Amino acid sequence: MRSLLVLAMMASTTCTFAQTSAKSSAFAKTGKPDAFAKTITAEDLKKHLFIIAGKEMEGRETASPGQRKAAAYIENHFRQLGLEPGAGNGYQQFYNVYQDSLLNAGLEINGQAYSLDKDFGVNIANNVSGTFRFSEVTYVNAADTNAFKAANLTGKLVIMFGNNANMSRAAAMATNNLVRSKGIAAILSVSSQLPRTTPAPRKGNQSLYSFRKTLEAQQYSISEAVAKAILGTDFDAAKAGTLASKAYNTEALLQTNKATTTLQSSNVLGVLPGTDLKDQYLFITAHYDHLGKRDTVIYYGADDDGSGTVGVLEIAEAFVQAKKAGKGPRRTIVFMTVSGEEKGLWGSESYSNNPLFPLDKTTADLNIDMIGRSDVTRKGDTTNYVYVVGDDKLSTDLKPISEAQNAKYTKLELDYKYNDPNDPNRIYFRSDHYNFARKGVPIIFYYDGMLGADYHRPTDTPEKINYPLAAKRAQLVFYTAWEMANRNEMLKRDIALPTATR
């Protein structure tokens, strides 16, 4: 039996579609893109968003019931529009998500057993299940890089103090990379966070990959009491970083026992077939997942990225209206909402590694991630702008099209503040467009820069969205997509993929 929520969502989608059909009929005779762009309205965006970012969706965390409810709502909207399924016989492209749970763990030093949480902790994601027995523990001074590089640590159990709090991010990363390169079997990292006042979570973070090309070192955090049991009178010198590398005859037993659960998440794809260039594709994307809930507190994710998601729904509807009026796109348009973005661009990574449509025939990806708010720190007008990222990369065709369509129709201020790959915020690499870009597909990313107090907080709620501004930004994407879907040639790919230099 269908739930009341699903029935309500279907009714809402059908009602919105009927209203939009009535609105668009008055414009259909002209066949111009602005006639159909006008069907992208603040009112319709608001109706969708109060459902997508509503309480019932529980923050849409990847591989959660709330995410599946959101996927069902989006799928139903695509079906009501008459879009074709984009994943074979269905609208959802599923991919596996893995989550480890720690069942138990043990640590013994010279026959003395220690307690989990009080004396030691386990890296759940990194460690594999097993029992490891060592007869020697080697101390290494992470600050003495030359000695560290020269040491033969292959297959050894190593004890080291954690990265210095004053160490720069670059230095800490360099140390971590050096650790990985040494072929160490297991690491005991001395931590000031032990003993814990509350037990550590027994569930690890979710992961996109459960199968690995190589195994990294087993990782355990240990208290200073455990470290003293190994280092003896050398403890103070080791903690101060003045002790040279040294091996200790120690019987150490390390044990991890965990279980892995296989979950599923999905991308939702609706397809509007093209006409004479139907074997070429234009993607319009957004991520519909967010952070879920922590205990009973819901992280609604209205702007991030409910706003982009409902933008895709409305843009899809506008193109469907155009096709009904005999002005369908020459190229096939794929409307795709992805999950897993907040986990690390998982949904778009899964798609780009397993594309359902040829990437070499995909002319561009227009990605929308946060278009409903204003950046209060922005200098100048905060009521008529959008941050644009990527339009001067991969293809020299992108920027002229973007700026021409904006100048002709929406007249937003296109702000390139975050366009530099070396910008400290690394926005070019942080949303789903990048998984298209790394495969050579030209991209444009639309963003509002909402980095204030509501970002990734429970207070990112739908009543705070500036719906007229969100509609105008979505219309810009529509106009840009219209030109790209109907021009004679695919976009050139004549610029190399940029990389960050810092």
Protein backbone atom coordinates (compact mmCIF):
# COMPACT_ATOMS: atom_id res chain seq x y z
CA MET A 1 0.00 0.00 0.00
CA ARG A 2 1.30 3.46 -0.89
CA SER A 3 2.02 5.77 2.03
CA LEU A 4 0.13 9.03 2.50
CA LEU A 5 3.39 10.89 1.93
CA VAL A 6 3.90 9.34 -1.50
CA LEU A 7 0.30 10.06 -2.48
CA ALA A 8 0.66 13.64 -1.30
CA MET A 9 3.87 14.06 -3.28
CA MET A 10 2.25 12.69 -6.43
CA ALA A 11 -0.73 14.98 -6.03
CA SER A 12 1.51 18.01 -5.52
CA THR A 13 3.60 17.16 -8.59
CA THR A 14 0.52 16.62 -10.77
CA CYS A 15 -1.07 19.88 -9.60
CA THR A 16 2.09 21.88 -10.26
CA PHE A 17 2.46 20.33 -13.71
CA ALA A 18 -1.14 21.14 -14.62
CA GLN A 19 -0.74 24.76 -13.53
CA THR A 20 2.47 25.12 -15.50
CA SER A 21 0.87 23.59 -18.59
CA ALA A 22 -1.84 26.20 -18.43
CA LYS A 23 0.67 29.01 -18.03
CA SER A 24 2.91 27.85 -20.84
CA SER A 25 0.11 27.46 -23.39
CA ALA A 26 -0.21 31.22 -23.66
CA PHE A 27 3.43 31.45 -24.72
CA ALA A 28 3.68 28.37 -26.90
CA LYS A 29 2.89 30.13 -30.16
CA THR A 30 6.06 32.20 -30.10
CA GLY A 31 8.46 29.28 -29.71
CA LYS A 32 11.08 31.57 -28.23
CA PRO A 33 13.01 30.36 -25.18
CA ASP A 34 11.79 33.20 -22.98
CA ALA A 35 8.23 31.92 -23.44
CA PHE A 36 9.17 28.67 -21.71
CA ALA A 37 11.65 30.18 -19.24
CA LYS A 38 8.73 32.11 -17.77
CA THR A 39 7.23 28.80 -16.60
CA ILE A 40 10.12 28.56 -14.10
CA THR A 41 8.50 30.45 -11.26
CA ALA A 42 9.21 31.28 -7.65
CA GLU A 43 5.87 29.74 -6.69
CA ASP A 44 6.64 26.37 -8.27
CA LEU A 45 10.14 26.26 -6.83
CA LYS A 46 8.69 26.93 -3.39
CA LYS A 47 6.09 24.16 -3.70
CA HIS A 48 8.75 21.62 -4.58
CA LEU A 49 11.27 22.78 -2.01
CA PHE A 50 8.93 22.69 0.96
CA ILE A 51 8.57 18.97 0.16
CA ILE A 52 12.20 18.17 -0.78
CA ALA A 53 13.51 20.04 2.28
CA GLY A 54 10.58 19.14 4.49
CA LYS A 55 10.56 17.25 7.77
CA GLU A 56 9.47 13.97 6.14
CA MET A 57 12.69 13.80 4.11
CA GLU A 58 14.76 13.81 7.32
CA GLY A 59 17.65 15.69 5.73
CA ARG A 60 18.07 13.25 2.79
CA GLU A 61 21.29 11.63 3.99
CA THR A 62 22.76 9.27 1.42
CA ALA A 63 21.55 5.65 1.74
CA SER A 64 18.87 6.65 4.26
CA PRO A 65 15.05 6.37 4.12
CA GLY A 66 14.84 10.16 3.68
CA GLN A 67 17.09 10.04 0.62
CA ARG A 68 14.94 7.30 -0.87
CA LYS A 69 11.79 9.36 -0.27
CA ALA A 70 13.38 12.30 -2.07
CA ALA A 71 14.43 10.05 -4.95
CA ALA A 72 10.85 8.77 -5.24
CA TYR A 73 9.51 12.33 -5.36
CA ILE A 74 11.96 13.33 -8.10
CA GLU A 75 11.28 10.15 -10.07
CA ASN A 76 7.55 10.74 -9.88
CA HIS A 77 7.98 14.31 -11.13
CA PHE A 78 10.02 13.11 -14.10
CA ARG A 79 7.42 10.45 -14.85
CA GLN A 80 4.54 12.95 -14.63
CA LEU A 81 6.36 15.20 -17.07
CA GLY A 82 6.66 12.33 -19.53
CA LEU A 83 10.45 12.16 -19.42
CA GLU A 84 11.88 8.81 -20.39
CA PRO A 85 13.64 6.68 -17.75
CA GLY A 86 17.35 7.38 -17.85
CA ALA A 87 18.62 4.17 -16.23
CA GLY A 88 17.43 1.40 -18.49
CA ASN A 89 13.93 0.39 -17.47
CA GLY A 90 13.87 2.78 -14.52
CA TYR A 91 14.71 6.30 -13.49
CA GLN A 92 17.23 5.44 -10.77
CA GLN A 93 20.85 4.41 -11.23
CA PHE A 94 21.72 2.53 -8.06
CA TYR A 95 25.17 2.21 -6.54
CA ASN A 96 26.46 0.48 -3.43
CA VAL A 97 27.49 2.26 -0.25
CA TYR A 98 29.43 0.40 2.43
CA GLN A 99 29.47 0.95 6.17
CA ASP A 100 31.66 -0.81 8.72
CA SER A 101 30.64 -1.54 12.31
CA LEU A 102 33.14 -2.39 15.04
CA LEU A 103 32.11 -5.56 16.86
CA ASN A 104 35.04 -5.68 19.26
CA ALA A 105 38.73 -4.83 19.50
CA GLY A 106 41.67 -5.72 21.69
CA LEU A 107 45.14 -4.49 22.61
CA GLU A 108 47.73 -6.27 24.75
CA ILE A 109 51.27 -5.13 25.57
CA ASN A 110 53.53 -7.78 27.14
CA GLY A 111 50.49 -9.73 28.30
CA GLN A 112 48.73 -6.71 29.81
CA ALA A 113 45.25 -6.20 28.30
CA TYR A 114 43.97 -2.67 27.78
CA SER A 115 40.43 -1.31 27.46
CA LEU A 116 38.80 0.13 24.36
CA ASP A 117 37.95 3.85 24.75
CA LYS A 118 39.89 4.10 28.00
CA ASP A 119 43.30 3.04 26.72
CA PHE A 120 43.01 2.74 22.96
CA GLY A 121 40.83 3.41 19.93
CA VAL A 122 40.49 1.84 16.49
CA ASN A 123 40.31 3.36 13.02
CA ILE A 124 37.18 1.50 11.90
CA ALA A 125 37.31 2.46 8.23
CA ASN A 126 41.02 1.78 7.76
CA ASN A 127 41.51 -1.42 9.74
CA VAL A 128 40.68 -4.89 8.52
CA SER A 129 39.38 -7.68 10.72
CA GLY A 130 42.17 -9.76 12.16
CA THR A 131 44.58 -10.44 14.98
CA PHE A 132 48.18 -9.26 14.63
CA ARG A 133 51.07 -10.25 16.90
CA PHE A 134 54.35 -8.35 16.89
CA SER A 135 57.54 -9.02 18.86
CA GLU A 136 58.96 -5.55 18.29
CA VAL A 137 57.70 -1.95 18.29
CA THR A 138 59.70 0.75 16.50
CA TYR A 139 59.54 4.38 17.65
CA VAL A 140 59.87 6.98 14.87
CA ASN A 141 60.17 10.73 15.22
CA ALA A 142 57.78 12.16 12.61
CA ALA A 143 59.45 15.57 12.89
CA ASP A 144 62.83 14.16 11.80
CA THR A 145 61.88 13.78 8.15
CA ASN A 146 65.30 12.68 6.91
CA ALA A 147 65.64 9.92 9.51
CA PHE A 148 62.03 8.89 8.86
CA LYS A 149 62.69 8.58 5.12
CA ALA A 150 65.84 6.54 5.72
CA ALA A 151 64.28 4.08 8.17
CA ASN A 152 63.34 0.58 7.02
CA LEU A 153 59.80 0.22 8.37
CA THR A 154 58.32 -2.29 5.94
CA GLY A 155 55.99 -4.68 7.75
CA LYS A 156 56.76 -3.19 11.16
CA LEU A 157 54.64 -2.03 14.09
CA VAL A 158 55.43 1.65 14.64
CA ILE A 159 54.71 3.92 17.59
CA MET A 160 54.63 7.66 16.97
CA PHE A 161 53.20 10.80 18.44
CA GLY A 162 50.48 12.55 16.45
CA ASN A 163 51.17 15.51 14.19
CA ASN A 164 52.19 18.59 16.09
CA ALA A 165 49.26 20.97 16.60
CA ASN A 166 51.38 23.80 15.22
CA MET A 167 52.25 21.86 12.07
CA SER A 168 50.89 23.45 8.89
CA ARG A 169 48.28 21.61 6.84
CA ALA A 170 50.82 21.04 4.08
CA ALA A 171 53.39 19.65 6.53
CA ALA A 172 50.79 17.35 8.10
CA MET A 173 49.77 16.05 4.68
CA ALA A 174 53.42 15.49 3.76
CA THR A 175 53.91 13.47 6.95
CA ASN A 176 50.82 11.39 6.26
CA ASN A 177 51.98 10.70 2.71
CA LEU A 178 55.39 9.69 4.01
CA VAL A 179 53.76 7.27 6.46
CA ARG A 180 51.78 5.69 3.61
CA SER A 181 54.91 5.26 1.51
CA LYS A 182 56.84 3.27 4.12
CA GLY A 183 54.93 0.00 3.97
CA ILE A 184 54.21 0.04 7.71
CA ALA A 185 52.06 -2.84 8.94
CA ALA A 186 50.45 -1.08 11.91
CA ILE A 187 50.69 2.25 13.74
CA LEU A 188 50.17 3.07 17.39
CA SER A 189 49.52 6.81 17.47
CA VAL A 190 49.80 8.38 20.93
CA SER A 191 46.71 10.50 21.55
CA SER A 192 45.93 13.09 24.21
CA GLN A 193 42.20 12.38 23.62
CA LEU A 194 42.34 9.17 25.63
CA PRO A 195 40.76 8.14 27.87
CA ARG A 196 37.44 9.14 26.30
CA THR A 197 34.64 10.44 28.50
CA THR A 198 32.05 8.73 26.25
CA PRO A 199 32.47 5.63 24.09
CA ALA A 200 33.45 6.20 20.46
CA PRO A 201 30.79 5.38 17.86
CA ARG A 202 30.87 1.75 16.84
CA LYS A 203 29.67 2.53 13.34
CA GLY A 204 32.22 3.90 10.91
CA ASN A 205 31.65 6.42 8.17
CA GLN A 206 30.06 5.26 4.95
CA SER A 207 32.32 4.54 2.01
CA LEU A 208 31.89 4.25 -1.74
CA TYR A 209 34.53 1.53 -1.95
CA SER A 210 34.82 -1.71 -0.02
CA PHE A 211 37.42 -3.33 -2.26
CA ARG A 212 40.95 -1.94 -2.25
CA LYS A 213 43.99 -2.25 -4.47
CA THR A 214 46.28 -2.15 -1.43
CA LEU A 215 45.91 -2.30 2.34
CA GLU A 216 47.20 0.58 4.42
CA ALA A 217 48.65 0.28 7.92
CA GLN A 218 46.34 -0.84 10.70
CA GLN A 219 45.75 2.23 12.86
CA TYR A 220 45.25 2.37 16.60
CA SER A 221 45.28 5.39 18.89
CA ILE A 222 46.76 4.72 22.31
CA SER A 223 46.84 6.59 25.61
CA GLU A 224 50.00 7.91 27.14
CA ALA A 225 49.75 5.11 29.72
CA VAL A 226 50.05 2.50 26.96
CA ALA A 227 52.89 4.44 25.36
CA LYS A 228 54.77 4.46 28.66
CA ALA A 229 54.37 0.68 28.89
CA ILE A 230 56.23 0.43 25.57
CA LEU A 231 58.75 3.26 25.78
CA GLY A 232 59.57 3.13 29.48
CA THR A 233 62.00 5.84 30.54
CA ASP A 234 62.25 7.10 26.95
CA PHE A 235 58.65 8.34 27.02
CA ASP A 236 59.38 11.98 27.89
CA ALA A 237 62.08 12.33 25.22
CA ALA A 238 59.80 10.70 22.62
CA LYS A 239 56.94 13.03 23.50
CA ALA A 240 59.27 16.04 23.26
CA GLY A 241 60.48 14.88 19.84
CA THR A 242 64.11 14.61 20.94
CA LEU A 243 64.40 10.81 20.84
CA ALA A 244 66.02 9.15 17.85
CA SER A 245 64.29 6.22 16.16
CA LYS A 246 64.58 3.12 18.30
CA ALA A 247 63.26 -0.45 18.41
CA TYR A 248 61.76 -2.00 21.57
CA ASN A 249 61.44 -5.73 22.27
CA THR A 250 57.74 -5.84 23.02
CA GLU A 251 55.04 -8.46 22.62
CA ALA A 252 52.11 -6.54 21.15
CA LEU A 253 48.76 -8.05 20.20
CA LEU A 254 46.35 -5.97 18.10
CA GLN A 255 42.85 -7.14 17.26
CA THR A 256 40.01 -5.70 15.22
CA ASN A 257 36.72 -7.46 14.51
CA LYS A 258 34.19 -5.64 12.36
CA ALA A 259 31.24 -6.25 10.04
CA THR A 260 30.49 -4.50 6.76
CA THR A 261 26.93 -3.64 5.69
CA THR A 262 26.13 -3.02 2.04
CA LEU A 263 23.61 -0.19 1.51
CA GLN A 264 22.31 1.42 -1.67
CA SER A 265 21.87 4.94 -2.93
CA SER A 266 20.87 6.28 -6.33
CA ASN A 267 21.01 8.97 -8.95
CA VAL A 268 17.70 9.89 -10.58
CA LEU A 269 17.70 10.45 -14.35
CA GLY A 270 14.94 11.69 -16.63
CA VAL A 271 15.58 11.97 -20.37
CA LEU A 272 14.08 14.30 -22.96
CA PRO A 273 15.03 12.85 -26.37
CA GLY A 274 16.39 15.22 -28.97
CA THR A 275 15.55 15.43 -32.64
CA ASP A 276 18.23 15.43 -35.37
CA LEU A 277 21.10 15.41 -32.82
CA LYS A 278 19.52 12.98 -30.36
CA ASP A 279 22.72 10.91 -30.09
CA GLN A 280 24.43 13.85 -28.42
CA TYR A 281 23.66 14.78 -24.83
CA LEU A 282 23.43 17.75 -22.51
CA PHE A 283 23.30 17.14 -18.76
CA ILE A 284 21.64 19.39 -16.19
CA THR A 285 22.52 18.27 -12.68
CA ALA A 286 22.17 18.96 -8.97
CA HIS A 287 22.63 16.88 -5.83
CA TYR A 288 19.53 16.07 -3.84
CA ASP A 289 21.22 14.59 -0.76
CA HIS A 290 22.16 16.46 2.40
CA LEU A 291 23.46 15.65 5.90
CA GLY A 292 20.45 13.82 7.31
CA LYS A 293 19.81 14.15 11.01
CA ARG A 294 21.92 13.98 14.16
CA ASP A 295 19.92 12.31 16.91
CA THR A 296 16.56 14.07 16.43
CA VAL A 297 17.90 17.26 14.82
CA ILE A 298 17.20 17.49 11.07
CA TYR A 299 19.62 19.20 8.71
CA TYR A 300 17.11 20.34 6.10
CA GLY A 301 19.48 21.37 3.30
CA ALA A 302 17.06 23.77 1.66
CA ASP A 303 19.71 25.78 -0.14
CA ASP A 304 22.32 23.01 -0.15
CA ASP A 305 21.14 21.60 -2.42
CA GLY A 306 17.40 21.53 -2.32
CA SER A 307 17.44 24.78 -4.30
CA GLY A 308 19.48 23.25 -7.12
CA THR A 309 17.36 20.11 -7.12
CA VAL A 310 14.06 21.94 -7.53
CA GLY A 311 15.76 24.12 -10.13
CA VAL A 312 16.41 20.98 -12.19
CA LEU A 313 12.77 19.92 -11.77
CA GLU A 314 11.52 23.28 -13.06
CA ILE A 315 14.03 23.45 -15.94
CA ALA A 316 12.94 19.96 -17.00
CA GLU A 317 9.33 21.09 -16.99
CA ALA A 318 10.14 24.12 -19.13
CA PHE A 319 11.86 21.99 -21.76
CA VAL A 320 8.94 19.55 -21.79
CA GLN A 321 6.59 22.46 -22.46
CA ALA A 322 8.82 23.57 -25.31
CA LYS A 323 8.74 20.10 -26.86
CA LYS A 324 4.94 19.99 -26.59
CA ALA A 325 4.86 23.27 -28.46
CA GLY A 326 6.98 21.75 -31.24
CA LYS A 327 10.21 23.36 -30.03
CA GLY A 328 11.97 20.35 -28.53
CA PRO A 329 15.76 20.32 -28.23
CA ARG A 330 17.94 19.01 -31.03
CA ARG A 331 20.19 17.23 -28.55
CA THR A 332 18.94 14.84 -25.90
CA ILE A 333 18.80 16.46 -22.47
CA VAL A 334 19.45 14.34 -19.38
CA PHE A 335 18.14 15.79 -16.13
CA MET A 336 20.06 14.09 -13.34
CA THR A 337 19.87 14.59 -9.60
CA VAL A 338 22.62 12.77 -7.74
CA SER A 339 23.14 11.60 -4.18
CA GLY A 340 26.33 11.22 -2.18
CA GLU A 341 27.67 14.70 -2.92
CA GLU A 342 28.04 15.55 0.74
CA LYS A 343 29.97 12.31 1.26
CA GLY A 344 32.52 13.14 -1.43
CA LEU A 345 30.79 13.49 -4.83
CA TRP A 346 29.87 9.80 -4.76
CA GLY A 347 26.83 9.84 -7.03
CA SER A 348 28.49 11.78 -9.81
CA GLU A 349 31.66 9.71 -9.42
CA SER A 350 29.61 6.54 -9.73
CA TYR A 351 27.92 7.93 -12.84
CA SER A 352 31.10 9.18 -14.52
CA ASN A 353 32.79 5.82 -13.90
CA ASN A 354 29.73 3.95 -15.18
CA PRO A 355 28.10 6.35 -17.67
CA LEU A 356 24.71 5.51 -19.08
CA PHE A 357 25.26 7.86 -22.02
CA PRO A 358 28.59 8.28 -23.85
CA LEU A 359 30.74 10.93 -22.22
CA ASP A 360 32.44 11.70 -25.50
CA LYS A 361 29.01 12.57 -26.89
CA THR A 362 28.05 14.68 -23.86
CA THR A 363 28.41 18.28 -24.94
CA ALA A 364 28.33 19.79 -21.43
CA ASP A 365 27.17 19.49 -17.84
CA LEU A 366 25.40 22.47 -16.26
CA ASN A 367 25.53 21.86 -12.51
CA ILE A 368 23.49 23.74 -9.90
CA ASP A 369 24.52 23.59 -6.25
CA MET A 370 22.95 26.29 -4.04
CA ILE A 371 21.06 29.04 -5.89
CA GLY A 372 18.51 30.12 -3.27
CA ARG A 373 20.36 32.46 -0.95
CA SER A 374 22.67 35.49 -1.02
CA ASP A 375 26.26 35.80 0.13
CA VAL A 376 26.05 38.55 2.74
CA THR A 377 29.82 39.01 2.58
CA ARG A 378 29.72 39.80 -1.12
CA LYS A 379 30.70 43.33 -2.09
CA GLY A 380 28.04 45.05 -4.16
CA ASP A 381 24.49 44.02 -5.00
CA THR A 382 23.44 40.75 -3.31
CA THR A 383 20.03 40.61 -5.00
CA ASN A 384 20.93 40.04 -8.66
CA TYR A 385 24.03 37.90 -9.04
CA VAL A 386 25.25 34.33 -9.30
CA TYR A 387 28.73 32.90 -8.89
CA VAL A 388 29.83 31.15 -12.08
CA VAL A 389 32.60 28.57 -12.02
CA GLY A 390 34.27 26.71 -14.89
CA ASP A 391 33.04 28.62 -17.91
CA ASP A 392 36.58 29.50 -19.05
CA LYS A 393 37.87 25.95 -18.70
CA LEU A 394 37.89 22.90 -20.97
CA SER A 395 36.09 24.72 -23.81
CA THR A 396 36.43 28.19 -25.29
CA ASP A 397 32.75 27.93 -26.31
CA LEU A 398 31.42 28.01 -22.75
CA LYS A 399 31.95 31.60 -21.66
CA PRO A 400 30.63 33.29 -24.83
CA ILE A 401 27.44 31.24 -24.65
CA SER A 402 26.97 31.85 -20.93
CA GLU A 403 27.54 35.58 -21.10
CA ALA A 404 25.52 36.09 -24.26
CA GLN A 405 22.46 34.30 -22.88
CA ASN A 406 22.69 36.22 -19.64
CA ALA A 407 23.08 39.56 -21.42
CA LYS A 408 20.11 38.82 -23.65
CA TYR A 409 17.70 37.45 -21.07
CA THR A 410 18.41 37.34 -17.33
CA LYS A 411 20.92 40.18 -16.87
CA LEU A 412 22.34 38.77 -13.66
CA GLU A 413 25.77 39.87 -12.51
CA LEU A 414 28.04 36.92 -13.25
CA ASP A 415 30.60 36.83 -10.46
CA TYR A 416 33.81 34.82 -11.01
CA LYS A 417 35.13 35.09 -7.45
CA TYR A 418 35.38 31.31 -6.99
CA ASN A 419 36.42 30.43 -10.52
CA ASP A 420 40.15 30.15 -9.86
CA PRO A 421 41.12 26.50 -9.09
CA ASN A 422 43.68 27.92 -6.64
CA ASP A 423 41.04 29.77 -4.64
CA PRO A 424 41.32 28.56 -1.01
CA ASN A 425 37.70 27.39 -1.05
CA ARG A 426 38.47 25.00 -3.98
CA ILE A 427 34.90 25.38 -5.27
CA TYR A 428 35.87 24.13 -8.75
CA PHE A 429 36.62 20.72 -7.24
CA ARG A 430 33.83 20.53 -4.65
CA SER A 431 30.62 19.79 -6.52
CA ASP A 432 29.41 17.19 -8.96
CA HIS A 433 30.43 19.02 -12.13
CA TYR A 434 34.03 18.06 -11.38
CA ASN A 435 33.37 14.38 -12.08
CA PHE A 436 32.26 15.39 -15.57
CA ALA A 437 35.17 17.79 -15.98
CA ARG A 438 37.78 15.18 -15.02
CA LYS A 439 36.41 13.04 -17.85
CA GLY A 440 36.78 15.90 -20.32
CA VAL A 441 33.16 17.12 -20.42
CA PRO A 442 32.88 20.96 -20.42
CA ILE A 443 31.02 22.27 -17.37
CA ILE A 444 29.49 25.37 -15.87
CA PHE A 445 28.72 25.49 -12.16
CA TYR A 446 26.16 27.88 -10.62
CA TYR A 447 26.49 28.79 -6.96
CA ASP A 448 25.23 31.43 -4.51
CA GLY A 449 28.21 31.41 -2.13
CA MET A 450 26.09 30.98 0.98
CA LEU A 451 28.97 30.35 3.39
CA GLY A 452 27.34 31.96 6.43
CA ALA A 453 25.87 30.71 9.67
CA ASP A 454 23.29 28.42 8.02
CA TYR A 455 25.75 26.45 5.87
CA HIS A 456 25.58 22.77 6.86
CA ARG A 457 23.44 23.68 9.83
CA PRO A 458 19.87 22.68 10.78
CA THR A 459 18.88 26.29 10.11
CA ASP A 460 19.22 25.94 6.29
CA THR A 461 15.43 25.83 5.91
CA PRO A 462 13.05 26.50 2.99
CA GLU A 463 11.45 29.66 4.41
CA LYS A 464 14.82 31.42 4.12
CA ILE A 465 15.11 30.94 0.37
CA ASN A 466 14.84 33.93 -1.96
CA TYR A 467 12.55 32.24 -4.47
CA PRO A 468 12.39 35.02 -7.09
CA LEU A 469 16.21 35.12 -7.20
CA ALA A 470 16.38 31.31 -7.36
CA ALA A 471 13.93 31.36 -10.28
CA LYS A 472 16.01 33.92 -12.15
CA ARG A 473 19.16 31.87 -11.66
CA ALA A 474 17.37 28.72 -12.83
CA GLN A 475 16.17 30.62 -15.88
CA LEU A 476 19.78 31.49 -16.72
CA VAL A 477 20.61 27.78 -16.69
CA PHE A 478 17.60 27.13 -18.91
CA TYR A 479 18.62 29.76 -21.48
CA THR A 480 22.20 28.50 -21.51
CA ALA A 481 20.99 24.92 -21.91
CA TRP A 482 18.64 25.98 -24.72
CA GLU A 483 21.53 27.36 -26.74
CA MET A 484 23.78 24.37 -26.04
CA ALA A 485 21.06 21.87 -26.88
CA ASN A 486 20.22 23.51 -30.21
CA ARG A 487 23.49 24.82 -31.69
CA ASN A 488 24.93 23.06 -34.72
CA GLU A 489 28.13 21.77 -33.15
CA MET A 490 29.02 20.15 -29.86
CA LEU A 491 31.12 22.34 -27.60
CA LYS A 492 34.81 22.28 -28.41
CA ARG A 493 37.16 20.59 -25.96
CA ASP A 494 40.21 22.72 -26.51
CA ILE A 495 41.50 23.55 -23.00
CA ALA A 496 43.30 21.18 -20.64
CA LEU A 497 41.74 20.22 -17.31
CA PRO A 498 43.03 22.67 -14.67
CA THR A 499 44.73 21.52 -11.51
CA ALA A 500 45.26 23.34 -8.25
CA THR A 501 48.83 24.34 -7.50
CA ARG A 502 48.36 24.78 -3.77
